[in-house]
Amino acid sequence: MTLLYRVLAWLPKPVRDRLVKHKELLKFAVVGIVCFVVTNFVNYGLKFTILNDNPVTALGIAVTIATIVSYVLNREWSFRTRGGRERQHEAALFFLISGLGVVINSTPLFLSRYVFMLEVPHVSLLAQEVADFTSGIILGTLLAMIFRWWAFRKWVFPQSDARPRVVRVGRRGARLVRLGEDDEAA
């Protein structure tokens, strides 16, 4: 039983059944959370140590590292049975779509600041920060996540059941898990 199913075991059965039904989306969201933590950890680690005077460089490095982590986790976990492209083509599309996701993520913040003028001196510092958080972190992240989910499934990992599930070795010996079986059954 995977860690994800152990966590899901704590939830009520109707909620758990719905999440298991949409496990690919749930895994995608978990990867997003992990990459959000990686981005912030690397960004603030660099920003408060060796890149004190270069916060944009720190963020650029952090986003690059998190995008690489995202590719590996999405390919090997979230979309592990999907594929249909050569690996180089798949990776190029993944990073292109991730770049478009950054633009989508930044657009609400850009509109908030420079179109709606929700910045100091037009509004208070508190109003500016609330607008930045709402437009950049909440709305921008949500829009980019929806776009990436759709684009990854459509172009990067287009074919479901393109890669076979792995052979699992358990107490009773090796067992090939068929494509239609649930992860929990393995």
C-alpha atoms as a PDB file:
ATOM      1  CA  MET A   1       0.000   0.000   0.000  1.00  0.00           C
ATOM      2  CA  THR A   2       1.473   3.338  -1.017  1.00  0.00           C
ATOM      3  CA  LEU A   3       1.854   6.349   1.250  1.00  0.00           C
ATOM      4  CA  LEU A   4      -0.956   8.089  -0.638  1.00  0.00           C
ATOM      5  CA  TYR A   5      -3.389   5.268   0.159  1.00  0.00           C
ATOM      6  CA  ARG A   6      -2.322   5.297   3.808  1.00  0.00           C
ATOM      7  CA  VAL A   7      -3.192   8.984   3.991  1.00  0.00           C
ATOM      8  CA  LEU A   8      -6.476   8.400   2.149  1.00  0.00           C
ATOM      9  CA  ALA A   9      -7.412   5.643   4.620  1.00  0.00           C
ATOM     10  CA  TRP A  10      -8.012   8.365   7.218  1.00  0.00           C
ATOM     11  CA  LEU A  11     -10.763   9.976   5.110  1.00  0.00           C
ATOM     12  CA  PRO A  12     -14.462   9.009   5.057  1.00  0.00           C
ATOM     13  CA  LYS A  13     -15.247   6.341   2.431  1.00  0.00           C
ATOM     14  CA  PRO A  14     -17.250   8.592   0.039  1.00  0.00           C
ATOM     15  CA  VAL A  15     -14.456  11.176  -0.028  1.00  0.00           C
ATOM     16  CA  ARG A  16     -11.791   8.476  -0.346  1.00  0.00           C
ATOM     17  CA  ASP A  17     -13.642   6.766  -3.221  1.00  0.00           C
ATOM     18  CA  ARG A  18     -13.917  10.036  -5.143  1.00  0.00           C
ATOM     19  CA  LEU A  19     -10.224  10.825  -4.639  1.00  0.00           C
ATOM     20  CA  VAL A  20      -9.166   7.314  -5.695  1.00  0.00           C
ATOM     21  CA  LYS A  21     -11.319   7.662  -8.804  1.00  0.00           C
ATOM     22  CA  HIS A  22      -9.353  10.828  -9.671  1.00  0.00           C
ATOM     23  CA  LYS A  23      -5.991   9.605  -8.370  1.00  0.00           C
ATOM     24  CA  GLU A  24      -4.033  10.993 -11.325  1.00  0.00           C
ATOM     25  CA  LEU A  25      -5.316  14.494 -10.531  1.00  0.00           C
ATOM     26  CA  LEU A  26      -4.657  13.971  -6.818  1.00  0.00           C
ATOM     27  CA  LYS A  27      -1.075  12.891  -7.555  1.00  0.00           C
ATOM     28  CA  PHE A  28      -0.644  15.917  -9.833  1.00  0.00           C
ATOM     29  CA  ALA A  29      -1.788  18.176  -6.973  1.00  0.00           C
ATOM     30  CA  VAL A  30       0.603  16.490  -4.523  1.00  0.00           C
ATOM     31  CA  VAL A  31       3.481  17.068  -6.983  1.00  0.00           C
ATOM     32  CA  GLY A  32       2.398  20.719  -7.195  1.00  0.00           C
ATOM     33  CA  ILE A  33       2.513  21.069  -3.419  1.00  0.00           C
ATOM     34  CA  VAL A  34       5.952  19.423  -3.259  1.00  0.00           C
ATOM     35  CA  CYS A  35       7.260  21.744  -5.981  1.00  0.00           C
ATOM     36  CA  PHE A  36       5.768  24.782  -4.249  1.00  0.00           C
ATOM     37  CA  VAL A  37       7.709  23.814  -1.103  1.00  0.00           C
ATOM     38  CA  VAL A  38      10.889  23.157  -3.127  1.00  0.00           C
ATOM     39  CA  THR A  39      10.565  26.553  -4.845  1.00  0.00           C
ATOM     40  CA  ASN A  40      10.156  28.423  -1.570  1.00  0.00           C
ATOM     41  CA  PHE A  41      12.845  26.442   0.261  1.00  0.00           C
ATOM     42  CA  VAL A  42      15.458  26.972  -2.469  1.00  0.00           C
ATOM     43  CA  ASN A  43      14.401  30.581  -3.095  1.00  0.00           C
ATOM     44  CA  TYR A  44      14.598  31.699   0.530  1.00  0.00           C
ATOM     45  CA  GLY A  45      17.675  29.549   1.155  1.00  0.00           C
ATOM     46  CA  LEU A  46      19.530  31.336  -1.650  1.00  0.00           C
ATOM     47  CA  LYS A  47      17.977  34.747  -1.010  1.00  0.00           C
ATOM     48  CA  PHE A  48      19.012  34.810   2.653  1.00  0.00           C
ATOM     49  CA  THR A  49      22.522  33.402   2.072  1.00  0.00           C
ATOM     50  CA  ILE A  50      24.630  33.650  -1.080  1.00  0.00           C
ATOM     51  CA  LEU A  51      22.227  35.652  -3.271  1.00  0.00           C
ATOM     52  CA  ASN A  52      21.233  38.404  -0.833  1.00  0.00           C
ATOM     53  CA  ASP A  53      21.528  41.108  -3.459  1.00  0.00           C
ATOM     54  CA  ASN A  54      19.986  39.044  -6.289  1.00  0.00           C
ATOM     55  CA  PRO A  55      16.447  37.959  -5.348  1.00  0.00           C
ATOM     56  CA  VAL A  56      15.381  37.536  -8.990  1.00  0.00           C
ATOM     57  CA  THR A  57      18.305  35.186  -9.634  1.00  0.00           C
ATOM     58  CA  ALA A  58      17.410  33.238  -6.483  1.00  0.00           C
ATOM     59  CA  LEU A  59      13.829  32.857  -7.654  1.00  0.00           C
ATOM     60  CA  GLY A  60      14.935  31.886 -11.160  1.00  0.00           C
ATOM     61  CA  ILE A  61      17.182  29.136  -9.813  1.00  0.00           C
ATOM     62  CA  ALA A  62      14.442  27.949  -7.457  1.00  0.00           C
ATOM     63  CA  VAL A  63      11.822  27.784 -10.220  1.00  0.00           C
ATOM     64  CA  THR A  64      14.237  25.934 -12.506  1.00  0.00           C
ATOM     65  CA  ILE A  65      15.003  23.321  -9.844  1.00  0.00           C
ATOM     66  CA  ALA A  66      11.313  22.929  -8.967  1.00  0.00           C
ATOM     67  CA  THR A  67      10.414  22.500 -12.660  1.00  0.00           C
ATOM     68  CA  ILE A  68      12.972  19.707 -13.026  1.00  0.00           C
ATOM     69  CA  VAL A  69      11.603  18.048  -9.870  1.00  0.00           C
ATOM     70  CA  SER A  70       8.085  18.493 -11.282  1.00  0.00           C
ATOM     71  CA  TYR A  71       9.025  16.785 -14.548  1.00  0.00           C
ATOM     72  CA  VAL A  72      10.567  13.786 -12.801  1.00  0.00           C
ATOM     73  CA  LEU A  73       7.705  13.377 -10.299  1.00  0.00           C
ATOM     74  CA  ASN A  74       4.954  13.887 -12.883  1.00  0.00           C
ATOM     75  CA  ARG A  75       6.560  11.514 -15.385  1.00  0.00           C
ATOM     76  CA  GLU A  76       7.386   8.789 -12.879  1.00  0.00           C
ATOM     77  CA  TRP A  77       4.415   9.100 -10.534  1.00  0.00           C
ATOM     78  CA  SER A  78       1.451  11.276 -11.574  1.00  0.00           C
ATOM     79  CA  PHE A  79       1.422  10.224 -15.239  1.00  0.00           C
ATOM     80  CA  ARG A  80       3.514   7.059 -14.985  1.00  0.00           C
ATOM     81  CA  THR A  81       1.301   4.967 -17.258  1.00  0.00           C
ATOM     82  CA  ARG A  82       0.814   7.753 -19.778  1.00  0.00           C
ATOM     83  CA  GLY A  83       3.201   8.579 -22.584  1.00  0.00           C
ATOM     84  CA  GLY A  84       3.235   8.297 -26.336  1.00  0.00           C
ATOM     85  CA  ARG A  85       6.211  10.525 -27.127  1.00  0.00           C
ATOM     86  CA  GLU A  86       9.957  10.128 -27.306  1.00  0.00           C
ATOM     87  CA  ARG A  87      11.517  11.229 -24.048  1.00  0.00           C
ATOM     88  CA  GLN A  88      13.297  14.284 -25.521  1.00  0.00           C
ATOM     89  CA  HIS A  89      10.097  15.466 -27.211  1.00  0.00           C
ATOM     90  CA  GLU A  90       8.144  14.847 -24.011  1.00  0.00           C
ATOM     91  CA  ALA A  91      10.665  16.822 -21.917  1.00  0.00           C
ATOM     92  CA  ALA A  92      10.763  19.722 -24.408  1.00  0.00           C
ATOM     93  CA  LEU A  93       6.960  19.956 -24.393  1.00  0.00           C
ATOM     94  CA  PHE A  94       6.885  19.693 -20.589  1.00  0.00           C
ATOM     95  CA  PHE A  95       9.282  22.626 -20.159  1.00  0.00           C
ATOM     96  CA  LEU A  96       7.537  24.690 -22.854  1.00  0.00           C
ATOM     97  CA  ILE A  97       4.154  24.180 -21.182  1.00  0.00           C
ATOM     98  CA  SER A  98       5.701  24.896 -17.772  1.00  0.00           C
ATOM     99  CA  GLY A  99       7.035  28.183 -19.182  1.00  0.00           C
ATOM    100  CA  LEU A 100       3.575  29.079 -20.467  1.00  0.00           C
ATOM    101  CA  GLY A 101       2.267  28.178 -17.012  1.00  0.00           C
ATOM    102  CA  VAL A 102       4.623  30.744 -15.469  1.00  0.00           C
ATOM    103  CA  VAL A 103       3.213  33.402 -17.827  1.00  0.00           C
ATOM    104  CA  ILE A 104      -0.364  32.380 -16.947  1.00  0.00           C
ATOM    105  CA  ASN A 105       0.542  32.399 -13.240  1.00  0.00           C
ATOM    106  CA  SER A 106       1.982  35.933 -13.515  1.00  0.00           C
ATOM    107  CA  THR A 107      -0.861  37.460 -15.557  1.00  0.00           C
ATOM    108  CA  PRO A 108      -3.359  38.068 -12.705  1.00  0.00           C
ATOM    109  CA  LEU A 109      -0.644  39.740 -10.624  1.00  0.00           C
ATOM    110  CA  PHE A 110       0.373  41.884 -13.598  1.00  0.00           C
ATOM    111  CA  LEU A 111      -3.264  42.926 -14.119  1.00  0.00           C
ATOM    112  CA  SER A 112      -3.737  43.618 -10.414  1.00  0.00           C
ATOM    113  CA  ARG A 113      -0.658  45.821 -10.189  1.00  0.00           C
ATOM    114  CA  TYR A 114      -0.494  47.595 -13.529  1.00  0.00           C
ATOM    115  CA  VAL A 115      -4.044  47.618 -14.917  1.00  0.00           C
ATOM    116  CA  PHE A 116      -6.123  47.901 -11.733  1.00  0.00           C
ATOM    117  CA  MET A 117      -3.360  49.922  -9.979  1.00  0.00           C
ATOM    118  CA  LEU A 118      -3.623  47.940  -6.754  1.00  0.00           C
ATOM    119  CA  GLU A 119      -0.235  49.142  -5.558  1.00  0.00           C
ATOM    120  CA  VAL A 120       1.229  51.761  -3.263  1.00  0.00           C
ATOM    121  CA  PRO A 121       0.632  54.803  -3.476  1.00  0.00           C
ATOM    122  CA  HIS A 122      -2.826  54.144  -5.002  1.00  0.00           C
ATOM    123  CA  VAL A 123      -3.791  51.766  -2.170  1.00  0.00           C
ATOM    124  CA  SER A 124      -2.408  50.985   1.287  1.00  0.00           C
ATOM    125  CA  LEU A 125       0.479  48.548   1.720  1.00  0.00           C
ATOM    126  CA  LEU A 126      -1.913  46.032   3.302  1.00  0.00           C
ATOM    127  CA  ALA A 127      -4.337  46.283   0.351  1.00  0.00           C
ATOM    128  CA  GLN A 128      -1.431  45.869  -2.075  1.00  0.00           C
ATOM    129  CA  GLU A 129      -0.170  42.731  -0.307  1.00  0.00           C
ATOM    130  CA  VAL A 130      -3.654  41.201  -0.081  1.00  0.00           C
ATOM    131  CA  ALA A 131      -4.193  41.916  -3.797  1.00  0.00           C
ATOM    132  CA  ASP A 132      -0.772  40.447  -4.649  1.00  0.00           C
ATOM    133  CA  PHE A 133      -1.455  37.288  -2.643  1.00  0.00           C
ATOM    134  CA  THR A 134      -4.971  36.850  -4.022  1.00  0.00           C
ATOM    135  CA  SER A 135      -4.086  37.529  -7.633  1.00  0.00           C
ATOM    136  CA  GLY A 136      -0.609  35.991  -7.774  1.00  0.00           C
ATOM    137  CA  ILE A 137      -0.589  33.114  -5.325  1.00  0.00           C
ATOM    138  CA  ILE A 138      -4.263  32.086  -5.329  1.00  0.00           C
ATOM    139  CA  LEU A 139      -5.747  32.978  -8.729  1.00  0.00           C
ATOM    140  CA  GLY A 140      -2.528  32.743 -10.750  1.00  0.00           C
ATOM    141  CA  THR A 141      -1.569  29.384  -9.281  1.00  0.00           C
ATOM    142  CA  LEU A 142      -5.079  28.005  -9.807  1.00  0.00           C
ATOM    143  CA  LEU A 143      -5.233  29.110 -13.453  1.00  0.00           C
ATOM    144  CA  ALA A 144      -1.729  27.794 -14.180  1.00  0.00           C
ATOM    145  CA  MET A 145      -2.503  24.481 -12.483  1.00  0.00           C
ATOM    146  CA  ILE A 146      -5.653  23.978 -14.552  1.00  0.00           C
ATOM    147  CA  PHE A 147      -3.746  24.846 -17.749  1.00  0.00           C
ATOM    148  CA  ARG A 148      -0.831  22.524 -16.920  1.00  0.00           C
ATOM    149  CA  TRP A 149      -3.139  19.638 -15.999  1.00  0.00           C
ATOM    150  CA  TRP A 150      -4.973  19.941 -19.320  1.00  0.00           C
ATOM    151  CA  ALA A 151      -1.838  20.551 -21.425  1.00  0.00           C
ATOM    152  CA  PHE A 152       0.232  17.784 -19.846  1.00  0.00           C
ATOM    153  CA  ARG A 153      -2.520  15.237 -20.480  1.00  0.00           C
ATOM    154  CA  LYS A 154      -3.198  16.533 -23.997  1.00  0.00           C
ATOM    155  CA  TRP A 155       0.336  17.063 -25.350  1.00  0.00           C
ATOM    156  CA  VAL A 156       3.077  15.822 -23.024  1.00  0.00           C
ATOM    157  CA  PHE A 157       1.566  12.521 -21.849  1.00  0.00           C
ATOM    158  CA  PRO A 158      -1.218  12.059 -24.438  1.00  0.00           C
ATOM    159  CA  GLN A 159      -1.791   8.302 -24.394  1.00  0.00           C
ATOM    160  CA  SER A 160      -3.190   6.599 -21.342  1.00  0.00           C
ATOM    161  CA  ASP A 161      -1.812   3.105 -20.712  1.00  0.00           C
ATOM    162  CA  ALA A 162       1.189   3.823 -22.976  1.00  0.00           C
ATOM    163  CA  ARG A 163       3.715   2.574 -20.434  1.00  0.00           C
ATOM    164  CA  PRO A 164       3.188  -0.641 -18.478  1.00  0.00           C
ATOM    165  CA  ARG A 165       3.033  -0.550 -14.744  1.00  0.00           C
ATOM    166  CA  VAL A 166       6.121  -1.751 -12.923  1.00  0.00           C
ATOM    167  CA  VAL A 167       6.685  -5.243 -11.589  1.00  0.00           C
ATOM    168  CA  ARG A 168       6.204  -5.176  -7.857  1.00  0.00           C
ATOM    169  CA  VAL A 169       8.026  -7.499  -5.533  1.00  0.00           C
ATOM    170  CA  GLY A 170       6.183  -8.285  -2.343  1.00  0.00           C
ATOM    171  CA  ARG A 171       6.153 -10.946   0.347  1.00  0.00           C
ATOM    172  CA  ARG A 172       4.545 -13.399  -2.051  1.00  0.00           C
ATOM    173  CA  GLY A 173       7.080 -12.847  -4.855  1.00  0.00           C
ATOM    174  CA  ALA A 174       7.036 -10.804  -8.054  1.00  0.00           C
ATOM    175  CA  ARG A 175       3.757  -9.836  -9.647  1.00  0.00           C
ATOM    176  CA  LEU A 176       3.067  -7.891 -12.833  1.00  0.00           C
ATOM    177  CA  VAL A 177       0.321  -5.364 -12.249  1.00  0.00           C
ATOM    178  CA  ARG A 178      -1.951  -5.071 -15.248  1.00  0.00           C
ATOM    179  CA  LEU A 179      -2.735  -1.673 -16.730  1.00  0.00           C
ATOM    180  CA  GLY A 180      -6.363  -1.728 -15.585  1.00  0.00           C
ATOM    181  CA  GLU A 181      -5.659  -2.645 -11.990  1.00  0.00           C
ATOM    182  CA  ASP A 182      -5.667  -0.139  -9.194  1.00  0.00           C
ATOM    183  CA  ASP A 183      -2.389   0.772  -7.475  1.00  0.00           C
ATOM    184  CA  GLU A 184      -3.846  -0.428  -4.192  1.00  0.00           C
ATOM    185  CA  ALA A 185      -4.266  -3.946  -5.517  1.00  0.00           C
ATOM    186  CA  ALA A 186      -0.547  -4.225  -6.241  1.00  0.00           C
END
